[in-house]
Amino acid sequence: MSSMDKQNQKQAGYAIARCAWYMRLVINKLFLHDSIPITVEQWSIIKTISDSGSLTQNQIAEKSLKDKTNIARMLDLLEKKGYIKRTSDPQDGRCRLVSISAAGRSVLQLALPVIDEGEQLISSILTPEEVKQLRGYLDRISSVLKEKVRI
């Protein structure tokens, strides 16, 4: 393998991170433009809770791929905004379960068209086959990296 090939492989991770960063910026800008009172990071947490039902803070961190410390701060903010509610876990009194509130469901519905707009942006750049290939590549990379984290 040439040194140029090795350099390109090293930069692939950076390119993936850069695309994710720009996508967050675009979605946050669209949220702001449409007066949606959350960020894409907050949306991902609300969406995770909505998709899974009541979860512990650790489960939310794992499912949303976020740092546990950041999750705690975001959950505090989302609770203050009324988008989530916390209750004692009946099976483990040491844990609190987090669930989505009616206001959280409403803001999630407000945000969905913006999320769709972000997906449409990707579809306007790539063909359906390229999107499918990209998704396959990203899923494969994620799977391998996830296994490396477990070591």
C-alpha atoms as a PDB file:
ATOM      1  CA  MET A   1       0.000   0.000   0.000  1.00  0.00           C
ATOM      2  CA  SER A   2       1.435   3.382  -0.999  1.00  0.00           C
ATOM      3  CA  SER A   3       1.937   6.194   1.512  1.00  0.00           C
ATOM      4  CA  MET A   4      -0.780   8.186  -0.315  1.00  0.00           C
ATOM      5  CA  ASP A   5      -3.271   5.317   0.161  1.00  0.00           C
ATOM      6  CA  LYS A   6      -2.372   5.171   3.859  1.00  0.00           C
ATOM      7  CA  GLN A   7      -2.870   8.944   4.166  1.00  0.00           C
ATOM      8  CA  ASN A   8      -6.293   8.737   2.478  1.00  0.00           C
ATOM      9  CA  GLN A   9      -7.352   5.954   4.852  1.00  0.00           C
ATOM     10  CA  LYS A  10      -6.275   8.049   7.833  1.00  0.00           C
ATOM     11  CA  GLN A  11      -8.361  10.938   6.560  1.00  0.00           C
ATOM     12  CA  ALA A  12     -11.523   8.880   6.051  1.00  0.00           C
ATOM     13  CA  GLY A  13     -12.409   9.076   9.746  1.00  0.00           C
ATOM     14  CA  TYR A  14     -11.885  12.826   9.701  1.00  0.00           C
ATOM     15  CA  ALA A  15     -14.088  13.157   6.603  1.00  0.00           C
ATOM     16  CA  ILE A  16     -16.876  11.176   8.283  1.00  0.00           C
ATOM     17  CA  ALA A  17     -16.645  13.342  11.424  1.00  0.00           C
ATOM     18  CA  ARG A  18     -16.599  16.510   9.322  1.00  0.00           C
ATOM     19  CA  CYS A  19     -19.752  15.471   7.438  1.00  0.00           C
ATOM     20  CA  ALA A  20     -21.528  14.689  10.713  1.00  0.00           C
ATOM     21  CA  TRP A  21     -20.475  18.071  12.108  1.00  0.00           C
ATOM     22  CA  TYR A  22     -21.779  19.944   9.053  1.00  0.00           C
ATOM     23  CA  MET A  23     -25.010  17.962   9.116  1.00  0.00           C
ATOM     24  CA  ARG A  24     -25.575  18.983  12.755  1.00  0.00           C
ATOM     25  CA  LEU A  25     -24.904  22.614  11.818  1.00  0.00           C
ATOM     26  CA  VAL A  26     -27.380  22.469   8.932  1.00  0.00           C
ATOM     27  CA  ILE A  27     -30.110  20.877  11.056  1.00  0.00           C
ATOM     28  CA  ASN A  28     -29.512  23.327  13.927  1.00  0.00           C
ATOM     29  CA  LYS A  29     -29.720  26.237  11.477  1.00  0.00           C
ATOM     30  CA  LEU A  30     -32.990  24.871  10.082  1.00  0.00           C
ATOM     31  CA  PHE A  31     -34.352  24.366  13.616  1.00  0.00           C
ATOM     32  CA  LEU A  32     -33.489  27.979  14.415  1.00  0.00           C
ATOM     33  CA  HIS A  33     -35.031  29.232  11.155  1.00  0.00           C
ATOM     34  CA  ASP A  34     -38.255  27.314  11.851  1.00  0.00           C
ATOM     35  CA  SER A  35     -38.319  28.423  15.534  1.00  0.00           C
ATOM     36  CA  ILE A  36     -37.979  24.851  16.809  1.00  0.00           C
ATOM     37  CA  PRO A  37     -36.769  25.301  20.405  1.00  0.00           C
ATOM     38  CA  ILE A  38     -34.283  22.422  20.533  1.00  0.00           C
ATOM     39  CA  THR A  39     -30.916  21.490  19.045  1.00  0.00           C
ATOM     40  CA  VAL A  40     -30.205  18.416  16.961  1.00  0.00           C
ATOM     41  CA  GLU A  41     -28.417  16.918  19.980  1.00  0.00           C
ATOM     42  CA  GLN A  42     -31.524  17.420  22.115  1.00  0.00           C
ATOM     43  CA  TRP A  43     -33.686  16.070  19.288  1.00  0.00           C
ATOM     44  CA  SER A  44     -31.609  12.876  19.152  1.00  0.00           C
ATOM     45  CA  ILE A  45     -32.153  12.286  22.873  1.00  0.00           C
ATOM     46  CA  ILE A  46     -35.891  12.976  22.687  1.00  0.00           C
ATOM     47  CA  LYS A  47     -36.112  10.699  19.617  1.00  0.00           C
ATOM     48  CA  THR A  48     -34.181   7.937  21.409  1.00  0.00           C
ATOM     49  CA  ILE A  49     -36.550   8.096  24.372  1.00  0.00           C
ATOM     50  CA  SER A  50     -39.599   8.247  22.108  1.00  0.00           C
ATOM     51  CA  ASP A  51     -38.450   5.190  20.143  1.00  0.00           C
ATOM     52  CA  SER A  52     -37.628   3.124  23.228  1.00  0.00           C
ATOM     53  CA  GLY A  53     -40.074   4.172  25.928  1.00  0.00           C
ATOM     54  CA  SER A  54     -38.830   4.704  29.465  1.00  0.00           C
ATOM     55  CA  LEU A  55     -35.066   4.406  29.783  1.00  0.00           C
ATOM     56  CA  THR A  56     -32.403   4.988  32.410  1.00  0.00           C
ATOM     57  CA  GLN A  57     -29.848   7.733  31.868  1.00  0.00           C
ATOM     58  CA  ASN A  58     -27.176   5.117  31.072  1.00  0.00           C
ATOM     59  CA  GLN A  59     -29.430   3.442  28.499  1.00  0.00           C
ATOM     60  CA  ILE A  60     -30.078   6.805  26.846  1.00  0.00           C
ATOM     61  CA  ALA A  61     -26.336   7.514  26.692  1.00  0.00           C
ATOM     62  CA  GLU A  62     -25.673   4.114  25.128  1.00  0.00           C
ATOM     63  CA  LYS A  63     -28.521   4.251  22.597  1.00  0.00           C
ATOM     64  CA  SER A  64     -27.910   7.868  21.567  1.00  0.00           C
ATOM     65  CA  LEU A  65     -24.119   7.399  21.459  1.00  0.00           C
ATOM     66  CA  LYS A  66     -23.569  10.340  23.792  1.00  0.00           C
ATOM     67  CA  ASP A  67     -21.275  10.864  26.770  1.00  0.00           C
ATOM     68  CA  LYS A  68     -22.940  10.122  30.133  1.00  0.00           C
ATOM     69  CA  THR A  69     -21.914  13.501  31.585  1.00  0.00           C
ATOM     70  CA  ASN A  70     -23.365  15.398  28.631  1.00  0.00           C
ATOM     71  CA  ILE A  71     -26.526  13.289  28.824  1.00  0.00           C
ATOM     72  CA  ALA A  72     -27.056  14.321  32.446  1.00  0.00           C
ATOM     73  CA  ARG A  73     -26.829  18.026  31.532  1.00  0.00           C
ATOM     74  CA  MET A  74     -29.068  17.625  28.504  1.00  0.00           C
ATOM     75  CA  LEU A  75     -31.664  15.669  30.465  1.00  0.00           C
ATOM     76  CA  ASP A  76     -31.728  18.398  33.121  1.00  0.00           C
ATOM     77  CA  LEU A  77     -32.357  20.993  30.407  1.00  0.00           C
ATOM     78  CA  LEU A  78     -34.986  18.877  28.634  1.00  0.00           C
ATOM     79  CA  GLU A  79     -36.762  18.299  31.950  1.00  0.00           C
ATOM     80  CA  LYS A  80     -36.778  22.059  32.668  1.00  0.00           C
ATOM     81  CA  LYS A  81     -38.265  22.649  29.216  1.00  0.00           C
ATOM     82  CA  GLY A  82     -40.924  20.045  29.987  1.00  0.00           C
ATOM     83  CA  TYR A  83     -39.970  17.664  27.161  1.00  0.00           C
ATOM     84  CA  ILE A  84     -39.141  14.711  29.397  1.00  0.00           C
ATOM     85  CA  LYS A  85     -40.140  13.455  32.820  1.00  0.00           C
ATOM     86  CA  ARG A  86     -38.215  11.393  35.326  1.00  0.00           C
ATOM     87  CA  THR A  87     -39.763   8.833  37.644  1.00  0.00           C
ATOM     88  CA  SER A  88     -38.384   6.296  40.093  1.00  0.00           C
ATOM     89  CA  ASP A  89     -37.683   2.889  38.623  1.00  0.00           C
ATOM     90  CA  PRO A  90     -40.052   0.469  40.415  1.00  0.00           C
ATOM     91  CA  GLN A  91     -37.555  -2.386  39.912  1.00  0.00           C
ATOM     92  CA  ASP A  92     -34.497  -0.438  41.111  1.00  0.00           C
ATOM     93  CA  GLY A  93     -35.074   2.473  43.468  1.00  0.00           C
ATOM     94  CA  ARG A  94     -31.550   3.759  42.825  1.00  0.00           C
ATOM     95  CA  CYS A  95     -32.394   4.484  39.170  1.00  0.00           C
ATOM     96  CA  ARG A  96     -34.722   6.954  37.591  1.00  0.00           C
ATOM     97  CA  LEU A  97     -36.567   6.266  34.387  1.00  0.00           C
ATOM     98  CA  VAL A  98     -36.792   8.966  31.752  1.00  0.00           C
ATOM     99  CA  SER A  99     -39.808   9.163  29.459  1.00  0.00           C
ATOM    100  CA  ILE A 100     -41.062  11.630  26.898  1.00  0.00           C
ATOM    101  CA  SER A 101     -43.803  14.090  27.879  1.00  0.00           C
ATOM    102  CA  ALA A 102     -46.652  15.387  25.724  1.00  0.00           C
ATOM    103  CA  ALA A 103     -44.612  18.548  25.088  1.00  0.00           C
ATOM    104  CA  GLY A 104     -41.675  16.341  24.052  1.00  0.00           C
ATOM    105  CA  ARG A 105     -43.876  14.475  21.569  1.00  0.00           C
ATOM    106  CA  SER A 106     -45.076  17.807  20.181  1.00  0.00           C
ATOM    107  CA  VAL A 107     -41.588  19.230  19.684  1.00  0.00           C
ATOM    108  CA  LEU A 108     -40.524  15.932  18.100  1.00  0.00           C
ATOM    109  CA  GLN A 109     -43.366  16.251  15.576  1.00  0.00           C
ATOM    110  CA  LEU A 110     -42.372  19.870  14.874  1.00  0.00           C
ATOM    111  CA  ALA A 111     -38.801  18.764  14.201  1.00  0.00           C
ATOM    112  CA  LEU A 112     -39.563  15.835  11.875  1.00  0.00           C
ATOM    113  CA  PRO A 113     -40.018  17.932   8.703  1.00  0.00           C
ATOM    114  CA  VAL A 114     -36.646  19.580   9.350  1.00  0.00           C
ATOM    115  CA  ILE A 115     -34.982  16.197   9.847  1.00  0.00           C
ATOM    116  CA  ASP A 116     -36.603  15.061   6.582  1.00  0.00           C
ATOM    117  CA  GLU A 117     -35.265  18.202   4.893  1.00  0.00           C
ATOM    118  CA  GLY A 118     -31.763  17.255   6.015  1.00  0.00           C
ATOM    119  CA  GLU A 119     -32.233  13.757   4.582  1.00  0.00           C
ATOM    120  CA  GLN A 120     -33.522  15.265   1.330  1.00  0.00           C
ATOM    121  CA  LEU A 121     -30.367  17.367   1.120  1.00  0.00           C
ATOM    122  CA  ILE A 122     -28.291  14.181   1.129  1.00  0.00           C
ATOM    123  CA  SER A 123     -30.612  12.630  -1.456  1.00  0.00           C
ATOM    124  CA  SER A 124     -30.169  15.687  -3.679  1.00  0.00           C
ATOM    125  CA  ILE A 125     -26.397  15.144  -3.695  1.00  0.00           C
ATOM    126  CA  LEU A 126     -26.274  11.361  -4.070  1.00  0.00           C
ATOM    127  CA  THR A 127     -28.255   8.931  -6.179  1.00  0.00           C
ATOM    128  CA  PRO A 128     -30.456   6.400  -4.354  1.00  0.00           C
ATOM    129  CA  GLU A 129     -27.866   3.711  -5.118  1.00  0.00           C
ATOM    130  CA  GLU A 130     -25.051   5.885  -3.730  1.00  0.00           C
ATOM    131  CA  VAL A 131     -27.074   6.558  -0.566  1.00  0.00           C
ATOM    132  CA  LYS A 132     -27.600   2.805  -0.176  1.00  0.00           C
ATOM    133  CA  GLN A 133     -23.874   2.141  -0.703  1.00  0.00           C
ATOM    134  CA  LEU A 134     -22.877   4.914   1.688  1.00  0.00           C
ATOM    135  CA  ARG A 135     -25.220   3.562   4.344  1.00  0.00           C
ATOM    136  CA  GLY A 136     -23.732   0.103   3.848  1.00  0.00           C
ATOM    137  CA  TYR A 137     -20.185   1.415   4.192  1.00  0.00           C
ATOM    138  CA  LEU A 138     -21.019   3.463   7.285  1.00  0.00           C
ATOM    139  CA  ASP A 139     -22.859   0.556   8.905  1.00  0.00           C
ATOM    140  CA  ARG A 140     -19.885  -1.726   8.228  1.00  0.00           C
ATOM    141  CA  ILE A 141     -17.404   0.789   9.658  1.00  0.00           C
ATOM    142  CA  SER A 142     -19.626   1.396  12.705  1.00  0.00           C
ATOM    143  CA  SER A 143     -19.930  -2.323  13.338  1.00  0.00           C
ATOM    144  CA  VAL A 144     -16.176  -2.865  13.324  1.00  0.00           C
ATOM    145  CA  LEU A 145     -15.503   0.217  15.468  1.00  0.00           C
ATOM    146  CA  LYS A 146     -18.189  -0.815  17.947  1.00  0.00           C
ATOM    147  CA  GLU A 147     -16.442  -4.174  18.388  1.00  0.00           C
ATOM    148  CA  LYS A 148     -13.105  -2.405  18.928  1.00  0.00           C
ATOM    149  CA  VAL A 149     -14.642  -0.337  21.732  1.00  0.00           C
ATOM    150  CA  ARG A 150     -15.704  -3.534  23.532  1.00  0.00           C
ATOM    151  CA  ILE A 151     -12.118  -4.806  23.752  1.00  0.00           C
END
